[in-house]
Amino acid sequence: MHNAVLAALGLEGVYSRRRVDERGMAEAASEMRRGVLHGANITMPHKGTAARLADGLSSDAGRAGSVNTWTLEGSGRLVGHSTDVEGIRRVWVRAGLPTDRPVLVVGAGGAAAAAMVALEDRDLWCSARRAEAVSALAERVDVRFRPLEWGESLPGAVVVNATPLGMRGGELPGRFLEESVGLFDMAYLAGEETGAVRRMRERRMPASDGLMMLAAQAEASFEMWTGHRAPTGLMERVARAGTTGDG
């Protein structure tokens, strides 16, 4: 996605992947501070480590409790950000999801925390298999929400699937989607819609999938590093082509 946008805008640079352990994370942080790297994205399981290695955190990253983007500020100051939060806000608008309805966040991990921060001005609810995980989320994130029993529906709500269900086996329980008015599914499948997205589209309800989220958070990272906006829709098109083997 990033290389496609660099080429489209005529900017010099290369975005590449690294598989790292804890030592590799520390080395990457050092390279950032020395200007060898001009930016970095971090994925699981290193988002917590990325936060600890940073010299400072953005407000969103601090509240969500994880970092997926590093930038360099001033004279070698490494700052951690969570562009997941901004990605959620962007996709919500693009997908036409209602802004005046309750929101049911399914899950209680890092993705759920990002959703809570992004949507803190809504009527928020949360459901997870383990009630203690919901309680722990409430302690981590300074956002008001109400718990809902696992598998129960919330009529008139927009559902946010902040779990791997639908992506790594299993499906989001159908009850969550009963009488819902929209779906923000962070899961995605190669070349096809998740079962949850498919069910919502059959009901003619607005829905977004994880590839929209992936592209939106990448756009936010790119803008932080370069000061340039990605052409509308380019990153998402590249992401979808990549998951189907078309490019």
C-alpha atoms as a PDB file:
ATOM      1  CA  MET A   1       0.000   0.000   0.000  1.00  0.00           C
ATOM      2  CA  HIS A   2       2.683   2.497   1.024  1.00  0.00           C
ATOM      3  CA  ASN A   3       4.907   1.796  -1.973  1.00  0.00           C
ATOM      4  CA  ALA A   4       1.953   2.287  -4.315  1.00  0.00           C
ATOM      5  CA  VAL A   5       1.258   5.718  -2.808  1.00  0.00           C
ATOM      6  CA  LEU A   6       4.941   6.703  -2.861  1.00  0.00           C
ATOM      7  CA  ALA A   7       5.003   5.890  -6.581  1.00  0.00           C
ATOM      8  CA  ALA A   8       1.710   7.665  -7.274  1.00  0.00           C
ATOM      9  CA  LEU A   9       2.937  10.856  -5.594  1.00  0.00           C
ATOM     10  CA  GLY A  10       6.455  10.651  -7.038  1.00  0.00           C
ATOM     11  CA  LEU A  11       8.053  10.514  -3.585  1.00  0.00           C
ATOM     12  CA  GLU A  12      11.390   8.858  -2.903  1.00  0.00           C
ATOM     13  CA  GLY A  13      11.308   6.014  -0.401  1.00  0.00           C
ATOM     14  CA  VAL A  14      10.706   2.318   0.175  1.00  0.00           C
ATOM     15  CA  TYR A  15       8.382   0.608   2.637  1.00  0.00           C
ATOM     16  CA  SER A  16       9.538  -2.890   3.586  1.00  0.00           C
ATOM     17  CA  ARG A  17       8.707  -5.556   6.166  1.00  0.00           C
ATOM     18  CA  ARG A  18      10.810  -6.878   9.013  1.00  0.00           C
ATOM     19  CA  ARG A  19      10.251  -9.883  11.251  1.00  0.00           C
ATOM     20  CA  VAL A  20      11.689  -8.916  14.634  1.00  0.00           C
ATOM     21  CA  ASP A  21      11.980 -10.087  18.222  1.00  0.00           C
ATOM     22  CA  GLU A  22      12.437  -7.871  21.290  1.00  0.00           C
ATOM     23  CA  ARG A  23      16.039  -7.109  20.323  1.00  0.00           C
ATOM     24  CA  GLY A  24      14.952  -6.293  16.777  1.00  0.00           C
ATOM     25  CA  MET A  25      12.411  -3.818  18.140  1.00  0.00           C
ATOM     26  CA  ALA A  26      15.117  -2.070  20.163  1.00  0.00           C
ATOM     27  CA  GLU A  27      17.376  -1.931  17.091  1.00  0.00           C
ATOM     28  CA  ALA A  28      14.564  -0.435  15.006  1.00  0.00           C
ATOM     29  CA  ALA A  29      13.965   2.213  17.694  1.00  0.00           C
ATOM     30  CA  SER A  30      17.666   3.087  17.580  1.00  0.00           C
ATOM     31  CA  GLU A  31      17.544   3.357  13.780  1.00  0.00           C
ATOM     32  CA  MET A  32      14.570   5.698  14.056  1.00  0.00           C
ATOM     33  CA  ARG A  33      16.394   7.968  16.493  1.00  0.00           C
ATOM     34  CA  ARG A  34      19.470   8.053  14.225  1.00  0.00           C
ATOM     35  CA  GLY A  35      17.412   8.884  11.139  1.00  0.00           C
ATOM     36  CA  VAL A  36      18.150   5.587   9.391  1.00  0.00           C
ATOM     37  CA  LEU A  37      14.414   4.877   9.388  1.00  0.00           C
ATOM     38  CA  HIS A  38      11.965   7.709   8.804  1.00  0.00           C
ATOM     39  CA  GLY A  39       8.900   5.902  10.111  1.00  0.00           C
ATOM     40  CA  ALA A  40       7.650   2.499  11.185  1.00  0.00           C
ATOM     41  CA  ASN A  41       4.467   0.529  11.663  1.00  0.00           C
ATOM     42  CA  ILE A  42       4.308  -2.077  14.399  1.00  0.00           C
ATOM     43  CA  THR A  43       1.905  -4.989  14.549  1.00  0.00           C
ATOM     44  CA  MET A  44       1.127  -7.692  17.080  1.00  0.00           C
ATOM     45  CA  PRO A  45       2.689  -8.912  19.297  1.00  0.00           C
ATOM     46  CA  HIS A  46       4.939  -5.851  19.598  1.00  0.00           C
ATOM     47  CA  LYS A  47       2.475  -2.970  20.093  1.00  0.00           C
ATOM     48  CA  GLY A  48       3.090  -2.885  23.839  1.00  0.00           C
ATOM     49  CA  THR A  49       6.854  -3.029  23.338  1.00  0.00           C
ATOM     50  CA  ALA A  50       6.603  -0.169  20.838  1.00  0.00           C
ATOM     51  CA  ALA A  51       4.872   1.926  23.496  1.00  0.00           C
ATOM     52  CA  ARG A  52       7.570   1.167  26.080  1.00  0.00           C
ATOM     53  CA  LEU A  53      10.422   1.992  23.681  1.00  0.00           C
ATOM     54  CA  ALA A  54       8.950   5.343  22.640  1.00  0.00           C
ATOM     55  CA  ASP A  55      10.060   8.585  24.290  1.00  0.00           C
ATOM     56  CA  GLY A  56       6.496   9.842  24.267  1.00  0.00           C
ATOM     57  CA  LEU A  57       2.972   8.820  23.225  1.00  0.00           C
ATOM     58  CA  SER A  58       0.207  10.633  21.418  1.00  0.00           C
ATOM     59  CA  SER A  59      -3.030  11.073  23.333  1.00  0.00           C
ATOM     60  CA  ASP A  60      -4.775   8.334  21.343  1.00  0.00           C
ATOM     61  CA  ALA A  61      -1.917   5.857  21.857  1.00  0.00           C
ATOM     62  CA  GLY A  62      -1.716   6.567  25.565  1.00  0.00           C
ATOM     63  CA  ARG A  63      -5.413   5.989  26.080  1.00  0.00           C
ATOM     64  CA  ALA A  64      -5.652   2.944  23.807  1.00  0.00           C
ATOM     65  CA  GLY A  65      -2.603   1.428  25.497  1.00  0.00           C
ATOM     66  CA  SER A  66      -0.841   0.383  22.299  1.00  0.00           C
ATOM     67  CA  VAL A  67       1.333   1.794  19.512  1.00  0.00           C
ATOM     68  CA  ASN A  68       1.245   0.831  15.840  1.00  0.00           C
ATOM     69  CA  THR A  69       3.181   3.796  14.397  1.00  0.00           C
ATOM     70  CA  TRP A  70       6.467   5.505  15.229  1.00  0.00           C
ATOM     71  CA  THR A  71       7.433   8.999  14.126  1.00  0.00           C
ATOM     72  CA  LEU A  72      10.500  11.102  14.879  1.00  0.00           C
ATOM     73  CA  GLU A  73      10.087  14.571  16.320  1.00  0.00           C
ATOM     74  CA  GLY A  74      12.632  17.224  17.190  1.00  0.00           C
ATOM     75  CA  SER A  75      16.176  16.012  17.774  1.00  0.00           C
ATOM     76  CA  GLY A  76      15.711  12.265  17.880  1.00  0.00           C
ATOM     77  CA  ARG A  77      12.553  12.029  19.983  1.00  0.00           C
ATOM     78  CA  LEU A  78      10.666   8.829  19.173  1.00  0.00           C
ATOM     79  CA  VAL A  79       6.893   9.224  19.451  1.00  0.00           C
ATOM     80  CA  GLY A  80       4.360   6.393  19.448  1.00  0.00           C
ATOM     81  CA  HIS A  81       0.926   6.726  17.861  1.00  0.00           C
ATOM     82  CA  SER A  82      -2.178   4.617  17.400  1.00  0.00           C
ATOM     83  CA  THR A  83      -3.474   5.219  13.889  1.00  0.00           C
ATOM     84  CA  ASP A  84      -6.028   2.476  14.556  1.00  0.00           C
ATOM     85  CA  VAL A  85      -8.051   5.117  16.380  1.00  0.00           C
ATOM     86  CA  GLU A  86      -7.955   7.524  13.428  1.00  0.00           C
ATOM     87  CA  GLY A  87      -8.590   4.634  11.029  1.00  0.00           C
ATOM     88  CA  ILE A  88     -11.807   3.756  12.837  1.00  0.00           C
ATOM     89  CA  ARG A  89     -13.018   7.346  12.650  1.00  0.00           C
ATOM     90  CA  ARG A  90     -12.319   7.546   8.913  1.00  0.00           C
ATOM     91  CA  VAL A  91     -13.944   4.238   8.025  1.00  0.00           C
ATOM     92  CA  TRP A  92     -17.046   5.083  10.033  1.00  0.00           C
ATOM     93  CA  VAL A  93     -17.675   8.072   7.774  1.00  0.00           C
ATOM     94  CA  ARG A  94     -16.734   6.312   4.512  1.00  0.00           C
ATOM     95  CA  ALA A  95     -18.957   3.315   5.229  1.00  0.00           C
ATOM     96  CA  GLY A  96     -21.941   5.501   6.068  1.00  0.00           C
ATOM     97  CA  LEU A  97     -22.375   3.971   9.512  1.00  0.00           C
ATOM     98  CA  PRO A  98     -24.940   5.733  11.732  1.00  0.00           C
ATOM     99  CA  THR A  99     -23.591   8.314  14.153  1.00  0.00           C
ATOM    100  CA  ASP A 100     -26.706   8.623  16.304  1.00  0.00           C
ATOM    101  CA  ARG A 101     -27.153   4.997  17.387  1.00  0.00           C
ATOM    102  CA  PRO A 102     -25.709   2.959  20.282  1.00  0.00           C
ATOM    103  CA  VAL A 103     -22.442   1.118  19.568  1.00  0.00           C
ATOM    104  CA  LEU A 104     -21.784  -2.446  20.735  1.00  0.00           C
ATOM    105  CA  VAL A 105     -18.072  -3.278  20.803  1.00  0.00           C
ATOM    106  CA  VAL A 106     -17.468  -7.031  20.725  1.00  0.00           C
ATOM    107  CA  GLY A 107     -14.120  -7.926  22.295  1.00  0.00           C
ATOM    108  CA  ALA A 108     -11.987  -6.491  25.086  1.00  0.00           C
ATOM    109  CA  GLY A 109      -8.423  -6.387  23.702  1.00  0.00           C
ATOM    110  CA  GLY A 110      -6.335  -3.702  22.050  1.00  0.00           C
ATOM    111  CA  ALA A 111      -8.645  -3.332  19.038  1.00  0.00           C
ATOM    112  CA  ALA A 112     -11.620  -2.856  21.362  1.00  0.00           C
ATOM    113  CA  ALA A 113      -9.696  -0.221  23.326  1.00  0.00           C
ATOM    114  CA  ALA A 114      -8.962   1.682  20.106  1.00  0.00           C
ATOM    115  CA  ALA A 115     -12.652   1.533  19.172  1.00  0.00           C
ATOM    116  CA  MET A 116     -13.665   2.863  22.589  1.00  0.00           C
ATOM    117  CA  VAL A 117     -11.304   5.837  22.262  1.00  0.00           C
ATOM    118  CA  ALA A 118     -12.365   6.572  18.678  1.00  0.00           C
ATOM    119  CA  LEU A 119     -16.085   6.454  19.529  1.00  0.00           C
ATOM    120  CA  GLU A 120     -16.052   7.837  23.058  1.00  0.00           C
ATOM    121  CA  ASP A 121     -18.814  10.360  22.311  1.00  0.00           C
ATOM    122  CA  ARG A 122     -21.297   7.559  21.520  1.00  0.00           C
ATOM    123  CA  ASP A 123     -23.591   5.443  23.704  1.00  0.00           C
ATOM    124  CA  LEU A 124     -21.089   2.594  24.156  1.00  0.00           C
ATOM    125  CA  TRP A 125     -21.605  -1.024  25.174  1.00  0.00           C
ATOM    126  CA  CYS A 126     -19.121  -3.874  25.364  1.00  0.00           C
ATOM    127  CA  SER A 127     -19.428  -7.657  25.252  1.00  0.00           C
ATOM    128  CA  ALA A 128     -16.692 -10.304  25.597  1.00  0.00           C
ATOM    129  CA  ARG A 129     -16.583 -13.991  26.440  1.00  0.00           C
ATOM    130  CA  ARG A 130     -14.925 -13.230  29.775  1.00  0.00           C
ATOM    131  CA  ALA A 131     -16.622 -10.671  32.010  1.00  0.00           C
ATOM    132  CA  GLU A 132     -13.303  -9.999  33.754  1.00  0.00           C
ATOM    133  CA  ALA A 133     -11.811  -8.894  30.424  1.00  0.00           C
ATOM    134  CA  VAL A 134     -14.535  -6.263  30.097  1.00  0.00           C
ATOM    135  CA  SER A 135     -13.788  -5.046  33.617  1.00  0.00           C
ATOM    136  CA  ALA A 136     -10.062  -4.851  32.797  1.00  0.00           C
ATOM    137  CA  LEU A 137     -10.853  -2.840  29.652  1.00  0.00           C
ATOM    138  CA  ALA A 138     -12.872  -0.367  31.713  1.00  0.00           C
ATOM    139  CA  GLU A 139      -9.848   0.160  33.964  1.00  0.00           C
ATOM    140  CA  ARG A 140      -7.442   0.651  31.028  1.00  0.00           C
ATOM    141  CA  VAL A 141      -9.507   3.040  28.929  1.00  0.00           C
ATOM    142  CA  ASP A 142     -10.945   6.221  30.375  1.00  0.00           C
ATOM    143  CA  VAL A 143     -14.226   5.896  28.466  1.00  0.00           C
ATOM    144  CA  ARG A 144     -17.691   5.273  29.846  1.00  0.00           C
ATOM    145  CA  PHE A 145     -19.482   2.173  28.540  1.00  0.00           C
ATOM    146  CA  ARG A 146     -21.915  -0.475  29.730  1.00  0.00           C
ATOM    147  CA  PRO A 147     -21.366  -4.258  29.686  1.00  0.00           C
ATOM    148  CA  LEU A 148     -23.623  -6.671  27.782  1.00  0.00           C
ATOM    149  CA  GLU A 149     -23.800 -10.427  28.225  1.00  0.00           C
ATOM    150  CA  TRP A 150     -21.888 -12.427  25.596  1.00  0.00           C
ATOM    151  CA  GLY A 151     -24.103 -13.281  22.631  1.00  0.00           C
ATOM    152  CA  GLU A 152     -26.941 -10.924  23.541  1.00  0.00           C
ATOM    153  CA  SER A 153     -28.192  -8.507  20.890  1.00  0.00           C
ATOM    154  CA  LEU A 154     -28.596  -4.764  21.337  1.00  0.00           C
ATOM    155  CA  PRO A 155     -31.478  -3.633  19.109  1.00  0.00           C
ATOM    156  CA  GLY A 156     -30.746  -0.550  17.024  1.00  0.00           C
ATOM    157  CA  ALA A 157     -26.987  -0.649  17.668  1.00  0.00           C
ATOM    158  CA  VAL A 158     -23.988  -0.570  15.330  1.00  0.00           C
ATOM    159  CA  VAL A 159     -21.801  -3.599  16.073  1.00  0.00           C
ATOM    160  CA  VAL A 160     -17.998  -3.301  16.119  1.00  0.00           C
ATOM    161  CA  ASN A 161     -16.321  -6.698  15.825  1.00  0.00           C
ATOM    162  CA  ALA A 162     -12.965  -6.157  17.563  1.00  0.00           C
ATOM    163  CA  THR A 163     -12.152  -9.885  17.668  1.00  0.00           C
ATOM    164  CA  PRO A 164     -10.562 -12.291  15.136  1.00  0.00           C
ATOM    165  CA  LEU A 165     -13.922 -14.080  14.762  1.00  0.00           C
ATOM    166  CA  GLY A 166     -14.628 -14.474  11.062  1.00  0.00           C
ATOM    167  CA  MET A 167     -10.952 -14.286  10.168  1.00  0.00           C
ATOM    168  CA  ARG A 168      -9.146 -17.043  12.078  1.00  0.00           C
ATOM    169  CA  GLY A 169     -11.963 -19.530  12.230  1.00  0.00           C
ATOM    170  CA  GLY A 170     -15.391 -19.237  13.792  1.00  0.00           C
ATOM    171  CA  GLU A 171     -17.996 -16.591  13.142  1.00  0.00           C
ATOM    172  CA  LEU A 172     -19.414 -13.704  15.089  1.00  0.00           C
ATOM    173  CA  PRO A 173     -22.517 -15.058  16.888  1.00  0.00           C
ATOM    174  CA  GLY A 174     -25.603 -14.223  14.874  1.00  0.00           C
ATOM    175  CA  ARG A 175     -27.379 -12.757  17.881  1.00  0.00           C
ATOM    176  CA  PHE A 176     -25.007  -9.789  17.892  1.00  0.00           C
ATOM    177  CA  LEU A 177     -26.286  -8.839  14.446  1.00  0.00           C
ATOM    178  CA  GLU A 178     -29.985  -9.381  15.100  1.00  0.00           C
ATOM    179  CA  GLU A 179     -31.777  -6.022  14.894  1.00  0.00           C
ATOM    180  CA  SER A 180     -28.458  -4.175  14.508  1.00  0.00           C
ATOM    181  CA  VAL A 181     -28.321  -1.241  12.082  1.00  0.00           C
ATOM    182  CA  GLY A 182     -24.691  -1.465  10.953  1.00  0.00           C
ATOM    183  CA  LEU A 183     -21.422  -3.392  11.279  1.00  0.00           C
ATOM    184  CA  PHE A 184     -17.788  -2.357  11.594  1.00  0.00           C
ATOM    185  CA  ASP A 185     -15.976  -5.685  11.165  1.00  0.00           C
ATOM    186  CA  MET A 186     -12.238  -5.503  11.899  1.00  0.00           C
ATOM    187  CA  ALA A 187     -11.810  -9.060  10.590  1.00  0.00           C
ATOM    188  CA  TYR A 188     -11.253  -9.786   6.897  1.00  0.00           C
ATOM    189  CA  LEU A 189     -10.809 -12.732   4.570  1.00  0.00           C
ATOM    190  CA  ALA A 190      -8.706 -13.118   1.450  1.00  0.00           C
ATOM    191  CA  GLY A 191     -10.844 -12.420  -1.596  1.00  0.00           C
ATOM    192  CA  GLU A 192     -14.246 -12.564   0.078  1.00  0.00           C
ATOM    193  CA  GLU A 193     -16.463 -10.933   2.672  1.00  0.00           C
ATOM    194  CA  THR A 194     -16.691 -12.265   6.197  1.00  0.00           C
ATOM    195  CA  GLY A 195     -19.910 -14.043   7.078  1.00  0.00           C
ATOM    196  CA  ALA A 196     -20.940 -11.145   9.308  1.00  0.00           C
ATOM    197  CA  VAL A 197     -20.479  -8.556   6.541  1.00  0.00           C
ATOM    198  CA  ARG A 198     -22.342 -10.781   4.106  1.00  0.00           C
ATOM    199  CA  ARG A 199     -25.302 -11.139   6.474  1.00  0.00           C
ATOM    200  CA  MET A 200     -25.511  -7.386   6.974  1.00  0.00           C
ATOM    201  CA  ARG A 201     -25.381  -6.672   3.243  1.00  0.00           C
ATOM    202  CA  GLU A 202     -28.182  -9.187   2.707  1.00  0.00           C
ATOM    203  CA  ARG A 203     -30.222  -7.089   5.147  1.00  0.00           C
ATOM    204  CA  ARG A 204     -29.199  -3.953   3.183  1.00  0.00           C
ATOM    205  CA  MET A 205     -27.441  -2.512   6.230  1.00  0.00           C
ATOM    206  CA  PRO A 206     -24.172  -0.516   6.053  1.00  0.00           C
ATOM    207  CA  ALA A 207     -21.068  -2.586   6.777  1.00  0.00           C
ATOM    208  CA  SER A 208     -17.294  -2.252   6.548  1.00  0.00           C
ATOM    209  CA  ASP A 209     -14.572  -4.886   6.763  1.00  0.00           C
ATOM    210  CA  GLY A 210     -11.037  -5.099   8.119  1.00  0.00           C
ATOM    211  CA  LEU A 211      -9.415  -4.162   4.819  1.00  0.00           C
ATOM    212  CA  MET A 212     -11.076  -0.744   4.960  1.00  0.00           C
ATOM    213  CA  MET A 213      -9.640  -0.394   8.454  1.00  0.00           C
ATOM    214  CA  LEU A 214      -6.181  -1.588   7.348  1.00  0.00           C
ATOM    215  CA  ALA A 215      -6.091   0.979   4.551  1.00  0.00           C
ATOM    216  CA  ALA A 216      -7.417   3.853   6.661  1.00  0.00           C
ATOM    217  CA  GLN A 217      -4.883   3.409   9.456  1.00  0.00           C
ATOM    218  CA  ALA A 218      -2.110   3.097   6.838  1.00  0.00           C
ATOM    219  CA  GLU A 219      -3.209   6.394   5.272  1.00  0.00           C
ATOM    220  CA  ALA A 220      -2.931   8.100   8.653  1.00  0.00           C
ATOM    221  CA  SER A 221       0.591   6.710   9.170  1.00  0.00           C
ATOM    222  CA  PHE A 222       1.667   7.805   5.689  1.00  0.00           C
ATOM    223  CA  GLU A 223       0.448  11.345   6.315  1.00  0.00           C
ATOM    224  CA  MET A 224       2.413  11.532   9.585  1.00  0.00           C
ATOM    225  CA  TRP A 225       5.654  10.447   7.889  1.00  0.00           C
ATOM    226  CA  THR A 226       5.427  12.433   4.656  1.00  0.00           C
ATOM    227  CA  GLY A 227       2.988  15.291   5.156  1.00  0.00           C
ATOM    228  CA  HIS A 228       1.148  14.105   2.021  1.00  0.00           C
ATOM    229  CA  ARG A 229      -2.341  12.640   1.753  1.00  0.00           C
ATOM    230  CA  ALA A 230      -2.733   9.342  -0.068  1.00  0.00           C
ATOM    231  CA  PRO A 231      -4.930   9.433  -3.198  1.00  0.00           C
ATOM    232  CA  THR A 232      -8.485   8.539  -2.192  1.00  0.00           C
ATOM    233  CA  GLY A 233      -9.123   4.804  -2.247  1.00  0.00           C
ATOM    234  CA  LEU A 234      -5.678   3.789  -3.560  1.00  0.00           C
ATOM    235  CA  MET A 235      -4.502   1.977  -0.436  1.00  0.00           C
ATOM    236  CA  GLU A 236      -7.745   0.041  -0.121  1.00  0.00           C
ATOM    237  CA  ARG A 237      -7.620  -1.030  -3.763  1.00  0.00           C
ATOM    238  CA  VAL A 238      -4.048  -2.261  -3.342  1.00  0.00           C
ATOM    239  CA  ALA A 239      -4.953  -4.088  -0.118  1.00  0.00           C
ATOM    240  CA  ARG A 240      -7.852  -5.883  -1.783  1.00  0.00           C
ATOM    241  CA  ALA A 241      -5.755  -6.822  -4.798  1.00  0.00           C
ATOM    242  CA  GLY A 242      -3.093  -8.211  -2.473  1.00  0.00           C
ATOM    243  CA  THR A 243      -5.520 -10.459  -0.577  1.00  0.00           C
ATOM    244  CA  THR A 244      -6.927 -11.929  -3.787  1.00  0.00           C
ATOM    245  CA  GLY A 245      -3.536 -12.544  -5.401  1.00  0.00           C
ATOM    246  CA  ASP A 246      -4.199 -10.024  -8.175  1.00  0.00           C
ATOM    247  CA  GLY A 247      -1.273  -7.740  -7.367  1.00  0.00           C
END
